[in-house]
Amino acid sequence: MAASAEFLDFLTEQMAGFGPVSRKRMFGGAGFFRDGLMFALVSGDMLYLKCDAETVERFASQDLAAFTYGTKTGSNTIMSYRRSPDVCLEDPDAMTEWCRLAFEAALRSSKPKRRSARG
């Protein structure tokens, strides 16, 4: 199911307190970016936030499921994104807090750019 434009617009408004974000349509959903790093994704009308070893327990303690998708071979792939808490859709301050956690996880997982041999 594709993410609706209305839902993406709503999420962009909810994230306004987090700072400037951009979004890009991808695979029927969308990715949300800040400073070039993807920290959230939308599939259908469900928001998922980036998590890592430092934040996964906070998501798990609220029973927030991981984003998974089926592959052509029939297996499921689990990604490092978890469903956002419902409060993010109700409270812009909560959205800001959770987006900050997700962005920090994205920062920790980003690979440093390799320097070219030319200098």
N, C-alpha and C. Protein backbone atom coordinates (compact mmCIF):
# COMPACT_ATOMS: atom_id res chain seq x y z
N MET A 1 0.84 -1.17 0.00
CA MET A 1 0.00 0.00 0.00
C MET A 1 0.89 1.25 0.00
N ALA A 2 0.59 2.16 -0.87
CA ALA A 2 1.37 3.39 -0.99
C ALA A 2 1.00 4.36 0.14
N ALA A 3 1.98 5.13 0.56
CA ALA A 3 1.75 6.16 1.57
C ALA A 3 0.95 7.29 0.94
N SER A 4 -0.08 7.74 1.63
CA SER A 4 -0.89 8.82 1.07
C SER A 4 -0.19 10.17 1.22
N ALA A 5 -0.43 11.04 0.26
CA ALA A 5 0.15 12.38 0.30
C ALA A 5 -0.31 13.13 1.54
N GLU A 6 -1.55 12.92 1.94
CA GLU A 6 -2.09 13.60 3.12
C GLU A 6 -1.34 13.18 4.38
N PHE A 7 -1.05 11.89 4.50
CA PHE A 7 -0.33 11.41 5.67
C PHE A 7 1.09 11.95 5.69
N LEU A 8 1.74 11.97 4.54
CA LEU A 8 3.10 12.50 4.46
C LEU A 8 3.14 13.98 4.81
N ASP A 9 2.14 14.74 4.34
CA ASP A 9 2.05 16.16 4.69
C ASP A 9 1.85 16.34 6.19
N PHE A 10 0.98 15.51 6.77
CA PHE A 10 0.74 15.58 8.21
C PHE A 10 2.02 15.30 9.00
N LEU A 11 2.75 14.26 8.59
CA LEU A 11 3.99 13.93 9.29
C LEU A 11 5.01 15.06 9.18
N THR A 12 5.11 15.66 8.01
CA THR A 12 6.03 16.78 7.82
C THR A 12 5.68 17.92 8.78
N GLU A 13 4.41 18.19 8.94
CA GLU A 13 3.97 19.23 9.89
C GLU A 13 4.30 18.83 11.33
N GLN A 14 4.06 17.57 11.67
CA GLN A 14 4.34 17.10 13.03
C GLN A 14 5.84 17.18 13.35
N MET A 15 6.68 17.05 12.33
CA MET A 15 8.13 17.05 12.52
C MET A 15 8.74 18.46 12.50
N ALA A 16 7.92 19.47 12.33
CA ALA A 16 8.43 20.84 12.19
C ALA A 16 9.32 21.26 13.36
N GLY A 17 9.01 20.84 14.57
CA GLY A 17 9.81 21.19 15.74
C GLY A 17 11.18 20.52 15.76
N PHE A 18 11.35 19.48 14.97
CA PHE A 18 12.62 18.77 14.89
C PHE A 18 13.61 19.51 13.99
N GLY A 19 13.11 20.33 13.14
CA GLY A 19 13.98 21.07 12.24
C GLY A 19 13.64 20.77 10.80
N PRO A 20 14.42 21.29 9.89
CA PRO A 20 14.10 21.07 8.48
C PRO A 20 14.32 19.61 8.08
N VAL A 21 13.28 19.03 7.55
CA VAL A 21 13.36 17.66 7.04
C VAL A 21 12.92 17.66 5.59
N SER A 22 13.38 16.69 4.87
CA SER A 22 12.92 16.49 3.50
C SER A 22 12.40 15.07 3.40
N ARG A 23 11.64 14.84 2.37
CA ARG A 23 11.13 13.48 2.17
C ARG A 23 11.28 13.10 0.71
N LYS A 24 11.37 11.81 0.51
CA LYS A 24 11.55 11.28 -0.83
C LYS A 24 10.70 10.03 -0.97
N ARG A 25 9.93 9.98 -2.04
CA ARG A 25 9.13 8.79 -2.32
C ARG A 25 10.06 7.65 -2.68
N MET A 26 9.79 6.48 -2.13
CA MET A 26 10.59 5.30 -2.45
C MET A 26 9.78 4.04 -2.20
N PHE A 27 9.79 3.14 -3.16
CA PHE A 27 9.15 1.82 -3.05
C PHE A 27 7.71 1.90 -2.56
N GLY A 28 6.95 2.88 -3.01
CA GLY A 28 5.56 3.03 -2.61
C GLY A 28 5.38 3.73 -1.29
N GLY A 29 6.45 3.93 -0.56
CA GLY A 29 6.41 4.65 0.71
C GLY A 29 7.21 5.92 0.58
N ALA A 30 7.88 6.28 1.66
CA ALA A 30 8.69 7.49 1.64
C ALA A 30 9.75 7.40 2.73
N GLY A 31 10.83 8.10 2.52
CA GLY A 31 11.87 8.25 3.53
C GLY A 31 11.92 9.70 3.97
N PHE A 32 12.18 9.92 5.25
CA PHE A 32 12.36 11.27 5.79
C PHE A 32 13.84 11.45 6.12
N PHE A 33 14.37 12.60 5.74
CA PHE A 33 15.80 12.87 5.84
C PHE A 33 16.05 14.19 6.56
N ARG A 34 17.17 14.24 7.26
CA ARG A 34 17.70 15.48 7.81
C ARG A 34 19.21 15.44 7.58
N ASP A 35 19.74 16.51 7.06
CA ASP A 35 21.17 16.59 6.77
C ASP A 35 21.64 15.40 5.93
N GLY A 36 20.80 14.93 5.02
CA GLY A 36 21.17 13.84 4.13
C GLY A 36 21.05 12.45 4.71
N LEU A 37 20.65 12.33 5.97
CA LEU A 37 20.52 11.01 6.61
C LEU A 37 19.05 10.64 6.75
N MET A 38 18.73 9.43 6.35
CA MET A 38 17.36 8.94 6.52
C MET A 38 17.18 8.48 7.96
N PHE A 39 16.19 9.05 8.63
CA PHE A 39 15.93 8.70 10.02
C PHE A 39 14.53 8.13 10.23
N ALA A 40 13.70 8.18 9.19
CA ALA A 40 12.35 7.65 9.30
C ALA A 40 11.89 7.16 7.94
N LEU A 41 10.99 6.20 7.96
CA LEU A 41 10.38 5.74 6.73
C LEU A 41 8.89 5.53 6.95
N VAL A 42 8.17 5.62 5.86
CA VAL A 42 6.72 5.43 5.90
C VAL A 42 6.38 4.32 4.92
N SER A 43 5.61 3.38 5.40
CA SER A 43 5.08 2.31 4.56
C SER A 43 3.59 2.26 4.81
N GLY A 44 2.80 2.35 3.75
CA GLY A 44 1.36 2.50 3.94
C GLY A 44 1.15 3.81 4.68
N ASP A 45 0.38 3.77 5.70
CA ASP A 45 0.22 4.95 6.55
C ASP A 45 0.75 4.64 7.94
N MET A 46 1.97 4.09 7.97
CA MET A 46 2.63 3.77 9.22
C MET A 46 4.03 4.39 9.20
N LEU A 47 4.36 5.09 10.29
CA LEU A 47 5.67 5.72 10.43
C LEU A 47 6.59 4.80 11.22
N TYR A 48 7.80 4.63 10.70
CA TYR A 48 8.84 3.86 11.37
C TYR A 48 10.05 4.76 11.58
N LEU A 49 10.69 4.63 12.74
CA LEU A 49 11.84 5.45 13.09
C LEU A 49 13.09 4.59 13.22
N LYS A 50 14.22 5.14 12.83
CA LYS A 50 15.50 4.45 12.90
C LYS A 50 15.82 4.12 14.35
N CYS A 51 16.32 2.92 14.58
CA CYS A 51 16.77 2.55 15.93
C CYS A 51 18.08 1.79 15.80
N ASP A 52 18.77 1.69 16.91
CA ASP A 52 20.03 0.96 16.95
C ASP A 52 20.16 0.32 18.33
N ALA A 53 21.32 -0.22 18.63
CA ALA A 53 21.54 -0.91 19.90
C ALA A 53 21.29 0.00 21.11
N GLU A 54 21.53 1.30 20.94
CA GLU A 54 21.33 2.22 22.06
C GLU A 54 19.87 2.59 22.30
N THR A 55 19.03 2.45 21.27
CA THR A 55 17.64 2.87 21.42
C THR A 55 16.62 1.75 21.30
N VAL A 56 17.05 0.57 20.88
CA VAL A 56 16.10 -0.50 20.60
C VAL A 56 15.28 -0.87 21.84
N GLU A 57 15.87 -0.81 23.02
CA GLU A 57 15.14 -1.18 24.23
C GLU A 57 13.97 -0.22 24.49
N ARG A 58 14.18 1.04 24.17
CA ARG A 58 13.09 2.01 24.36
C ARG A 58 11.91 1.67 23.45
N PHE A 59 12.19 1.27 22.23
CA PHE A 59 11.13 0.85 21.32
C PHE A 59 10.50 -0.47 21.79
N ALA A 60 11.34 -1.42 22.17
CA ALA A 60 10.86 -2.73 22.60
C ALA A 60 10.00 -2.64 23.86
N SER A 61 10.35 -1.73 24.76
CA SER A 61 9.59 -1.59 26.01
C SER A 61 8.16 -1.13 25.74
N GLN A 62 7.92 -0.52 24.59
CA GLN A 62 6.57 -0.11 24.22
C GLN A 62 5.96 -1.04 23.17
N ASP A 63 6.63 -2.19 22.96
CA ASP A 63 6.14 -3.21 22.03
C ASP A 63 5.94 -2.65 20.62
N LEU A 64 6.92 -1.83 20.16
CA LEU A 64 6.86 -1.22 18.85
C LEU A 64 7.61 -2.14 17.87
N ALA A 65 6.86 -2.69 16.94
CA ALA A 65 7.38 -3.71 16.02
C ALA A 65 8.40 -3.15 15.04
N ALA A 66 9.31 -4.03 14.63
CA ALA A 66 10.30 -3.68 13.61
C ALA A 66 9.64 -3.67 12.23
N PHE A 67 10.18 -2.85 11.36
CA PHE A 67 9.74 -2.82 9.97
C PHE A 67 10.31 -4.04 9.26
N THR A 68 9.45 -4.79 8.61
CA THR A 68 9.87 -5.95 7.84
C THR A 68 9.24 -5.89 6.45
N TYR A 69 9.87 -6.54 5.52
CA TYR A 69 9.28 -6.66 4.20
C TYR A 69 9.64 -8.01 3.61
N GLY A 70 8.78 -8.50 2.75
CA GLY A 70 9.01 -9.78 2.10
C GLY A 70 9.87 -9.61 0.86
N THR A 71 10.74 -10.57 0.63
CA THR A 71 11.60 -10.54 -0.55
C THR A 71 11.00 -11.42 -1.64
N LYS A 72 11.59 -11.37 -2.81
CA LYS A 72 11.14 -12.20 -3.94
C LYS A 72 11.29 -13.67 -3.64
N THR A 73 12.25 -14.03 -2.77
CA THR A 73 12.47 -15.44 -2.44
C THR A 73 11.53 -15.95 -1.36
N GLY A 74 10.69 -15.05 -0.82
CA GLY A 74 9.72 -15.46 0.19
C GLY A 74 10.19 -15.28 1.62
N SER A 75 11.41 -14.81 1.79
CA SER A 75 11.88 -14.58 3.17
C SER A 75 11.51 -13.17 3.61
N ASN A 76 11.56 -12.93 4.90
CA ASN A 76 11.30 -11.60 5.45
C ASN A 76 12.61 -10.96 5.85
N THR A 77 12.74 -9.69 5.53
CA THR A 77 13.91 -8.92 5.92
C THR A 77 13.48 -7.94 7.01
N ILE A 78 14.23 -7.93 8.09
CA ILE A 78 13.95 -7.02 9.21
C ILE A 78 14.95 -5.87 9.12
N MET A 79 14.43 -4.67 9.17
CA MET A 79 15.29 -3.49 9.08
C MET A 79 15.43 -2.84 10.45
N SER A 80 16.34 -1.90 10.56
CA SER A 80 16.61 -1.23 11.84
C SER A 80 15.70 -0.02 12.03
N TYR A 81 14.44 -0.21 11.70
CA TYR A 81 13.42 0.82 11.93
C TYR A 81 12.31 0.17 12.73
N ARG A 82 11.75 0.92 13.67
CA ARG A 82 10.64 0.44 14.49
C ARG A 82 9.46 1.37 14.35
N ARG A 83 8.28 0.81 14.53
CA ARG A 83 7.05 1.62 14.47
C ARG A 83 7.15 2.74 15.48
N SER A 84 6.67 3.90 15.10
CA SER A 84 6.70 5.03 16.02
C SER A 84 5.58 4.88 17.05
N PRO A 85 5.79 5.45 18.23
CA PRO A 85 4.71 5.43 19.22
C PRO A 85 3.53 6.27 18.72
N ASP A 86 2.32 5.87 19.08
CA ASP A 86 1.13 6.61 18.66
C ASP A 86 1.17 8.06 19.11
N VAL A 87 1.83 8.34 20.24
CA VAL A 87 1.87 9.70 20.77
C VAL A 87 2.54 10.66 19.78
N CYS A 88 3.40 10.15 18.90
CA CYS A 88 4.04 11.01 17.89
C CYS A 88 3.02 11.63 16.95
N LEU A 89 1.94 10.92 16.71
CA LEU A 89 0.91 11.43 15.81
C LEU A 89 -0.04 12.39 16.51
N GLU A 90 0.03 12.42 17.83
CA GLU A 90 -0.87 13.27 18.62
C GLU A 90 -0.18 14.50 19.18
N ASP A 91 1.11 14.43 19.40
CA ASP A 91 1.84 15.48 20.11
C ASP A 91 3.12 15.84 19.38
N PRO A 92 3.19 17.05 18.80
CA PRO A 92 4.40 17.45 18.07
C PRO A 92 5.66 17.43 18.94
N ASP A 93 5.55 17.70 20.23
CA ASP A 93 6.72 17.65 21.11
C ASP A 93 7.25 16.22 21.23
N ALA A 94 6.34 15.26 21.33
CA ALA A 94 6.75 13.85 21.37
C ALA A 94 7.38 13.46 20.04
N MET A 95 6.81 13.93 18.93
CA MET A 95 7.39 13.64 17.62
C MET A 95 8.82 14.18 17.55
N THR A 96 9.04 15.38 18.06
CA THR A 96 10.39 15.97 18.06
C THR A 96 11.35 15.10 18.85
N GLU A 97 10.94 14.66 20.02
CA GLU A 97 11.81 13.82 20.86
C GLU A 97 12.16 12.51 20.17
N TRP A 98 11.17 11.83 19.61
CA TRP A 98 11.42 10.54 18.96
C TRP A 98 12.21 10.70 17.67
N CYS A 99 11.97 11.78 16.94
CA CYS A 99 12.76 12.04 15.73
C CYS A 99 14.22 12.29 16.10
N ARG A 100 14.45 12.98 17.20
CA ARG A 100 15.82 13.23 17.65
C ARG A 100 16.52 11.90 17.96
N LEU A 101 15.83 11.00 18.65
CA LEU A 101 16.39 9.68 18.94
C LEU A 101 16.72 8.93 17.65
N ALA A 102 15.80 8.99 16.69
CA ALA A 102 16.00 8.29 15.42
C ALA A 102 17.16 8.89 14.63
N PHE A 103 17.25 10.21 14.63
CA PHE A 103 18.33 10.87 13.91
C PHE A 103 19.69 10.54 14.55
N GLU A 104 19.73 10.51 15.88
CA GLU A 104 20.98 10.14 16.55
C GLU A 104 21.39 8.71 16.21
N ALA A 105 20.41 7.82 16.10
CA ALA A 105 20.72 6.44 15.68
C ALA A 105 21.24 6.43 14.25
N ALA A 106 20.66 7.24 13.39
CA ALA A 106 21.13 7.33 12.00
C ALA A 106 22.55 7.87 11.95
N LEU A 107 22.85 8.85 12.79
CA LEU A 107 24.21 9.39 12.84
C LEU A 107 25.21 8.31 13.27
N ARG A 108 24.84 7.54 14.29
CA ARG A 108 25.75 6.50 14.78
C ARG A 108 25.98 5.41 13.73
N SER A 109 24.97 5.14 12.91
CA SER A 109 25.10 4.05 11.94
C SER A 109 25.65 4.50 10.59
N SER A 110 25.78 5.80 10.41
CA SER A 110 26.29 6.26 9.10
C SER A 110 27.77 5.96 8.99
N LYS A 111 28.14 5.57 7.81
CA LYS A 111 29.53 5.23 7.55
C LYS A 111 30.28 6.50 7.18
N PRO A 112 31.47 6.69 7.73
CA PRO A 112 32.23 7.87 7.33
C PRO A 112 32.61 7.79 5.86
N LYS A 113 32.65 8.95 5.22
CA LYS A 113 33.00 8.98 3.81
C LYS A 113 34.48 8.68 3.66
N ARG A 114 34.78 7.88 2.67
CA ARG A 114 36.17 7.52 2.40
C ARG A 114 36.85 8.68 1.70
N ARG A 115 38.08 8.90 2.07
CA ARG A 115 38.87 9.93 1.41
C ARG A 115 39.41 9.36 0.11
N SER A 116 39.43 10.17 -0.90
CA SER A 116 39.96 9.70 -2.17
C SER A 116 41.48 9.65 -2.13
N ALA A 117 42.03 8.85 -2.99
CA ALA A 117 43.50 8.72 -3.06
C ALA A 117 44.15 10.00 -3.56
N ARG A 118 43.36 10.85 -4.20
CA ARG A 118 43.89 12.10 -4.74
C ARG A 118 44.04 13.17 -3.68
N GLY A 119 43.44 12.99 -2.53
CA GLY A 119 43.70 13.96 -1.50
C GLY A 119 42.55 14.56 -0.90
